[in-house]
Amino acid sequence: MAWVTSVNSRSRFRGFLGAPFRRQTYRNLLYLGLAFPLGIAYLVVVVVGLALGVGLSIVVVGIPILATLVVVGTLLAGWERWLATRLLGHEFETRSTLEGDSSREKLVSAVTDLRTYTPLVYLPAKFVFGVLTVVVVFTTLTTGISLVFAPLYFGEPGVYVGVITDRPVEIHPAIYVGWNKLLIGFETVLSLDYWRIQTLPGALFVSMIGVGITLLGLNVVNGLARLAGWLTQRLLDDGYSLVETLTAAKN
């Protein structure tokens, strides 16, 4: 049992270190990089469509708007399935026919099917992954990569590599011991005003820290991509494909 645990730990560690050398890592990075601009567009489409559709449904005009939103959502869901297939390696089942014999039965089947509306849940969620990517992933990667190459530019005129604070950071380590009704202790103050890299060994040390941060960022990329793929699979698998449905209807 201990041997199996040790093997699993080594395997996970190798997987952590091997993230920069796997093509899938960069496919995941591209997928998450597209999430922010696509997520903004999806959020605008869904929010505006729902606001207009619900607001104008009283005067009947909103119903065609909501129907159009569902159609657009179905088309965008097909695009998202294609992206997840090409970049994340997921496979999806799609529906090409509506249940029922008559047109009325098929319409009722589509309107009452939950899978008709799951794209409208998924599309705004894409925006969340986009924000996470920008805030967490790209911040981590840009910081890590800039530190990795610190030895190449730390000595350039006008370049400052280090830590700058608005005011000194103070740490007050202290220890007190009660003894014979007395309180005996020690207290000191450590102050950090700024720290600047001025030597090559210091720059190399920071570069190693940058390697660790970059590795962490790439593994976060892979984790977020797996989560995004899982969500896409859960919400868009076995959904309607508008193109296949129209093709089947013509045939």
Protein backbone atom coordinates (compact mmCIF):
# COMPACT_ATOMS: atom_id res chain seq x y z
CA MET A 1 0.00 0.00 0.00
CA ALA A 2 2.83 2.39 0.90
CA TRP A 3 4.60 1.51 -2.37
CA VAL A 4 1.49 2.33 -4.40
CA THR A 5 1.12 5.65 -2.59
CA SER A 6 4.77 6.47 -3.29
CA VAL A 7 4.37 5.64 -6.99
CA ASN A 8 1.25 7.81 -7.22
CA SER A 9 3.03 10.69 -5.51
CA ARG A 10 5.98 10.46 -7.91
CA SER A 11 3.61 10.28 -10.86
CA ARG A 12 1.75 13.41 -9.73
CA PHE A 13 5.05 15.20 -9.16
CA ARG A 14 6.28 14.28 -12.64
CA GLY A 15 2.95 15.45 -14.04
CA PHE A 16 3.39 18.78 -12.22
CA LEU A 17 6.91 19.27 -13.59
CA GLY A 18 5.97 18.07 -17.07
CA ALA A 19 3.19 20.61 -17.65
CA PRO A 20 5.35 22.94 -19.81
CA PHE A 21 6.35 20.05 -22.09
CA ARG A 22 2.87 18.80 -22.97
CA ARG A 23 1.03 20.11 -26.02
CA GLN A 24 -2.27 19.76 -24.22
CA THR A 25 -1.19 22.44 -21.74
CA TYR A 26 -1.02 25.02 -24.53
CA ARG A 27 -4.28 23.85 -26.05
CA ASN A 28 -5.81 24.36 -22.61
CA LEU A 29 -4.23 27.80 -22.42
CA LEU A 30 -5.68 28.74 -25.81
CA TYR A 31 -9.11 27.47 -24.78
CA LEU A 32 -9.08 29.51 -21.58
CA GLY A 33 -7.64 32.52 -23.39
CA LEU A 34 -10.64 32.51 -25.71
CA ALA A 35 -12.99 32.25 -22.74
CA PHE A 36 -12.75 35.93 -21.78
CA PRO A 37 -13.66 37.60 -25.12
CA LEU A 38 -16.20 34.88 -25.95
CA GLY A 39 -17.63 35.05 -22.43
CA ILE A 40 -18.19 38.80 -22.71
CA ALA A 41 -19.97 38.36 -26.04
CA TYR A 42 -22.09 35.48 -24.72
CA LEU A 43 -23.04 37.40 -21.59
CA VAL A 44 -24.15 40.43 -23.61
CA VAL A 45 -26.21 38.28 -25.99
CA VAL A 46 -27.97 36.35 -23.21
CA VAL A 47 -28.58 39.33 -20.90
CA VAL A 48 -29.84 41.63 -23.67
CA GLY A 49 -31.95 38.86 -25.22
CA LEU A 50 -33.56 37.90 -21.92
CA ALA A 51 -34.14 41.52 -20.91
CA LEU A 52 -35.82 42.40 -24.20
CA GLY A 53 -37.69 39.12 -24.49
CA VAL A 54 -39.09 39.10 -20.97
CA GLY A 55 -39.75 42.84 -20.95
CA LEU A 56 -41.65 42.78 -24.25
CA SER A 57 -43.41 39.46 -23.72
CA ILE A 58 -46.45 41.38 -22.44
CA VAL A 59 -46.98 42.82 -25.91
CA VAL A 60 -46.20 39.49 -27.62
CA VAL A 61 -43.13 40.93 -29.38
CA GLY A 62 -40.91 39.40 -26.71
CA ILE A 63 -41.84 35.82 -27.60
CA PRO A 64 -40.09 35.85 -31.02
CA ILE A 65 -37.09 37.50 -29.34
CA LEU A 66 -36.90 34.70 -26.76
CA ALA A 67 -37.29 32.10 -29.51
CA THR A 68 -34.46 33.76 -31.46
CA LEU A 69 -32.32 33.75 -28.32
CA VAL A 70 -32.85 30.00 -27.93
CA VAL A 71 -31.87 29.44 -31.57
CA VAL A 72 -28.75 31.60 -31.21
CA GLY A 73 -27.90 29.78 -27.98
CA THR A 74 -28.19 26.44 -29.78
CA LEU A 75 -25.86 27.63 -32.55
CA LEU A 76 -23.31 28.95 -30.04
CA ALA A 77 -23.52 25.69 -28.10
CA GLY A 78 -22.53 23.86 -31.28
CA TRP A 79 -19.52 26.16 -31.61
CA GLU A 80 -18.56 25.50 -27.99
CA ARG A 81 -18.81 21.74 -28.49
CA TRP A 82 -16.50 22.07 -31.49
CA LEU A 83 -14.00 24.10 -29.45
CA ALA A 84 -14.03 21.59 -26.59
CA THR A 85 -13.56 18.73 -29.05
CA ARG A 86 -10.65 20.35 -30.90
CA LEU A 87 -8.81 21.85 -27.94
CA LEU A 88 -9.79 19.72 -24.92
CA GLY A 89 -10.34 16.37 -26.61
CA HIS A 90 -13.91 15.87 -25.41
CA GLU A 91 -16.51 13.95 -27.39
CA PHE A 92 -20.17 14.92 -27.51
CA GLU A 93 -23.41 13.27 -28.53
CA THR A 94 -25.93 15.53 -30.25
CA ARG A 95 -29.60 15.26 -31.19
CA SER A 96 -30.65 15.76 -34.79
CA THR A 97 -34.36 14.92 -34.56
CA LEU A 98 -37.27 16.15 -32.46
CA GLU A 99 -39.61 13.72 -30.77
CA GLY A 100 -43.15 13.48 -32.10
CA ASP A 101 -44.89 12.85 -35.39
CA SER A 102 -46.66 16.13 -36.08
CA SER A 103 -45.13 19.60 -36.15
CA ARG A 104 -47.07 20.53 -33.02
CA GLU A 105 -45.72 17.53 -31.09
CA LYS A 106 -42.17 18.35 -32.17
CA LEU A 107 -42.60 21.97 -31.07
CA VAL A 108 -43.95 20.90 -27.67
CA SER A 109 -41.08 18.43 -27.32
CA ALA A 110 -38.49 21.14 -28.00
CA VAL A 111 -40.13 23.71 -25.72
CA THR A 112 -40.48 21.30 -22.78
CA ASP A 113 -37.03 19.70 -23.14
CA LEU A 114 -34.52 20.94 -20.55
CA ARG A 115 -31.67 20.50 -23.04
CA THR A 116 -33.15 23.31 -25.11
CA TYR A 117 -32.26 25.82 -22.40
CA THR A 118 -28.96 24.51 -20.99
CA PRO A 119 -26.95 26.59 -23.50
CA LEU A 120 -28.44 29.73 -21.94
CA VAL A 121 -26.98 28.60 -18.61
CA TYR A 122 -23.64 27.57 -20.06
CA LEU A 123 -22.93 30.67 -22.15
CA PRO A 124 -22.83 33.19 -19.25
CA ALA A 125 -20.76 30.68 -17.24
CA LYS A 126 -18.10 31.02 -19.94
CA PHE A 127 -17.61 34.59 -18.75
CA VAL A 128 -16.72 33.34 -15.26
CA PHE A 129 -13.95 31.15 -16.66
CA GLY A 130 -12.74 34.10 -18.70
CA VAL A 131 -12.46 36.28 -15.60
CA LEU A 132 -10.70 33.50 -13.67
CA THR A 133 -8.27 33.09 -16.54
CA VAL A 134 -7.38 36.77 -16.68
CA VAL A 135 -7.18 37.31 -12.93
CA VAL A 136 -5.51 34.07 -11.82
CA VAL A 137 -3.83 32.38 -14.75
CA PHE A 138 -2.40 35.25 -16.78
CA THR A 139 -1.41 37.19 -13.67
CA THR A 140 0.48 34.15 -12.39
CA LEU A 141 2.09 33.36 -15.74
CA THR A 142 3.16 36.93 -16.53
CA THR A 143 4.66 37.30 -13.06
CA GLY A 144 6.42 33.94 -13.25
CA ILE A 145 7.81 34.43 -16.76
CA SER A 146 9.05 37.95 -15.97
CA LEU A 147 10.92 36.57 -12.95
CA VAL A 148 12.37 33.67 -14.97
CA PHE A 149 14.14 36.13 -17.28
CA ALA A 150 15.21 38.50 -14.49
CA PRO A 151 18.95 37.62 -14.93
CA LEU A 152 18.79 39.02 -18.47
CA TYR A 153 17.58 42.51 -17.59
CA PHE A 154 18.01 43.17 -13.85
CA GLY A 155 21.10 45.32 -14.42
CA GLU A 156 19.70 47.43 -17.25
CA PRO A 157 19.53 51.20 -16.58
CA GLY A 158 16.13 52.31 -15.39
CA VAL A 159 14.99 48.75 -14.65
CA TYR A 160 13.98 47.94 -11.06
CA VAL A 161 13.52 44.31 -10.08
CA GLY A 162 12.43 43.76 -6.50
CA VAL A 163 9.75 44.62 -3.98
CA ILE A 164 8.44 48.15 -3.53
CA THR A 165 6.01 49.16 -0.76
CA ASP A 166 4.18 52.41 -0.06
CA ARG A 167 5.43 52.28 3.50
CA PRO A 168 7.72 49.94 5.44
CA VAL A 169 6.25 46.56 6.34
CA GLU A 170 6.79 45.89 10.03
CA ILE A 171 6.75 42.48 11.72
CA HIS A 172 6.69 42.25 15.51
CA PRO A 173 7.86 38.80 16.64
CA ALA A 174 7.51 38.42 20.41
CA ILE A 175 7.59 35.76 23.10
CA TYR A 176 6.53 36.12 26.75
CA VAL A 177 6.73 33.64 29.60
CA GLY A 178 5.09 33.98 32.98
CA TRP A 179 7.49 33.25 35.88
CA ASN A 180 6.90 33.81 39.58
CA LYS A 181 4.29 36.53 39.06
CA LEU A 182 6.52 38.18 36.50
CA LEU A 183 6.12 38.40 32.75
CA ILE A 184 9.44 37.86 31.06
CA GLY A 185 9.66 38.20 27.34
CA PHE A 186 11.42 39.31 24.23
CA GLU A 187 10.10 41.51 21.46
CA THR A 188 11.71 42.96 18.36
CA VAL A 189 10.69 44.77 15.21
CA LEU A 190 11.64 43.70 11.69
CA SER A 191 11.12 46.36 9.04
CA LEU A 192 11.12 45.81 5.27
CA ASP A 193 11.23 49.02 3.29
CA TYR A 194 12.24 47.73 -0.13
CA TRP A 195 14.20 44.90 -1.68
CA ARG A 196 16.04 45.27 -4.95
CA ILE A 197 17.98 42.69 -6.93
CA GLN A 198 21.45 44.05 -7.61
CA THR A 199 23.56 40.91 -8.06
CA LEU A 200 23.52 37.98 -10.47
CA PRO A 201 23.11 35.37 -7.69
CA GLY A 202 20.07 37.28 -6.44
CA ALA A 203 18.65 37.41 -9.95
CA LEU A 204 19.23 33.66 -10.40
CA PHE A 205 17.45 33.00 -7.10
CA VAL A 206 14.48 35.08 -8.24
CA SER A 207 14.56 33.25 -11.58
CA MET A 208 14.15 29.92 -9.77
CA ILE A 209 11.17 31.37 -7.91
CA GLY A 210 9.78 32.41 -11.30
CA VAL A 211 10.15 28.84 -12.58
CA GLY A 212 8.08 27.61 -9.64
CA ILE A 213 5.40 30.27 -10.17
CA THR A 214 5.23 29.47 -13.89
CA LEU A 215 4.89 25.75 -13.20
CA LEU A 216 2.12 26.51 -10.73
CA GLY A 217 0.37 28.73 -13.28
CA LEU A 218 0.50 26.11 -16.03
CA ASN A 219 -0.91 23.46 -13.70
CA VAL A 220 -3.68 25.87 -12.72
CA VAL A 221 -4.37 26.23 -16.46
CA ASN A 222 -4.74 22.46 -16.78
CA GLY A 223 -6.98 22.30 -13.73
CA LEU A 224 -9.28 25.07 -14.93
CA ALA A 225 -9.41 23.52 -18.40
CA ARG A 226 -10.47 20.18 -16.92
CA LEU A 227 -13.16 21.96 -14.92
CA ALA A 228 -14.32 23.86 -18.01
CA GLY A 229 -14.41 20.64 -20.03
CA TRP A 230 -16.43 18.90 -17.33
CA LEU A 231 -18.95 21.75 -17.25
CA THR A 232 -19.20 21.78 -21.05
CA GLN A 233 -19.76 18.03 -21.09
CA ARG A 234 -22.43 18.23 -18.40
CA LEU A 235 -24.43 21.07 -19.96
CA LEU A 236 -23.94 20.63 -23.71
CA ASP A 237 -23.68 16.87 -24.18
CA ASP A 238 -26.76 15.28 -25.76
CA GLY A 239 -27.97 18.72 -26.80
CA TYR A 240 -29.61 19.79 -30.01
CA SER A 241 -27.51 20.51 -33.08
CA LEU A 242 -29.42 23.04 -35.14
CA VAL A 243 -27.52 22.26 -38.34
CA GLU A 244 -28.08 18.51 -38.02
CA THR A 245 -31.74 19.05 -37.11
CA LEU A 246 -32.38 21.22 -40.19
CA THR A 247 -30.52 18.74 -42.40
CA ALA A 248 -32.57 15.84 -41.03
CA ALA A 249 -35.79 17.82 -41.54
CA LYS A 250 -34.95 18.44 -45.21
CA ASN A 251 -34.24 14.76 -45.77
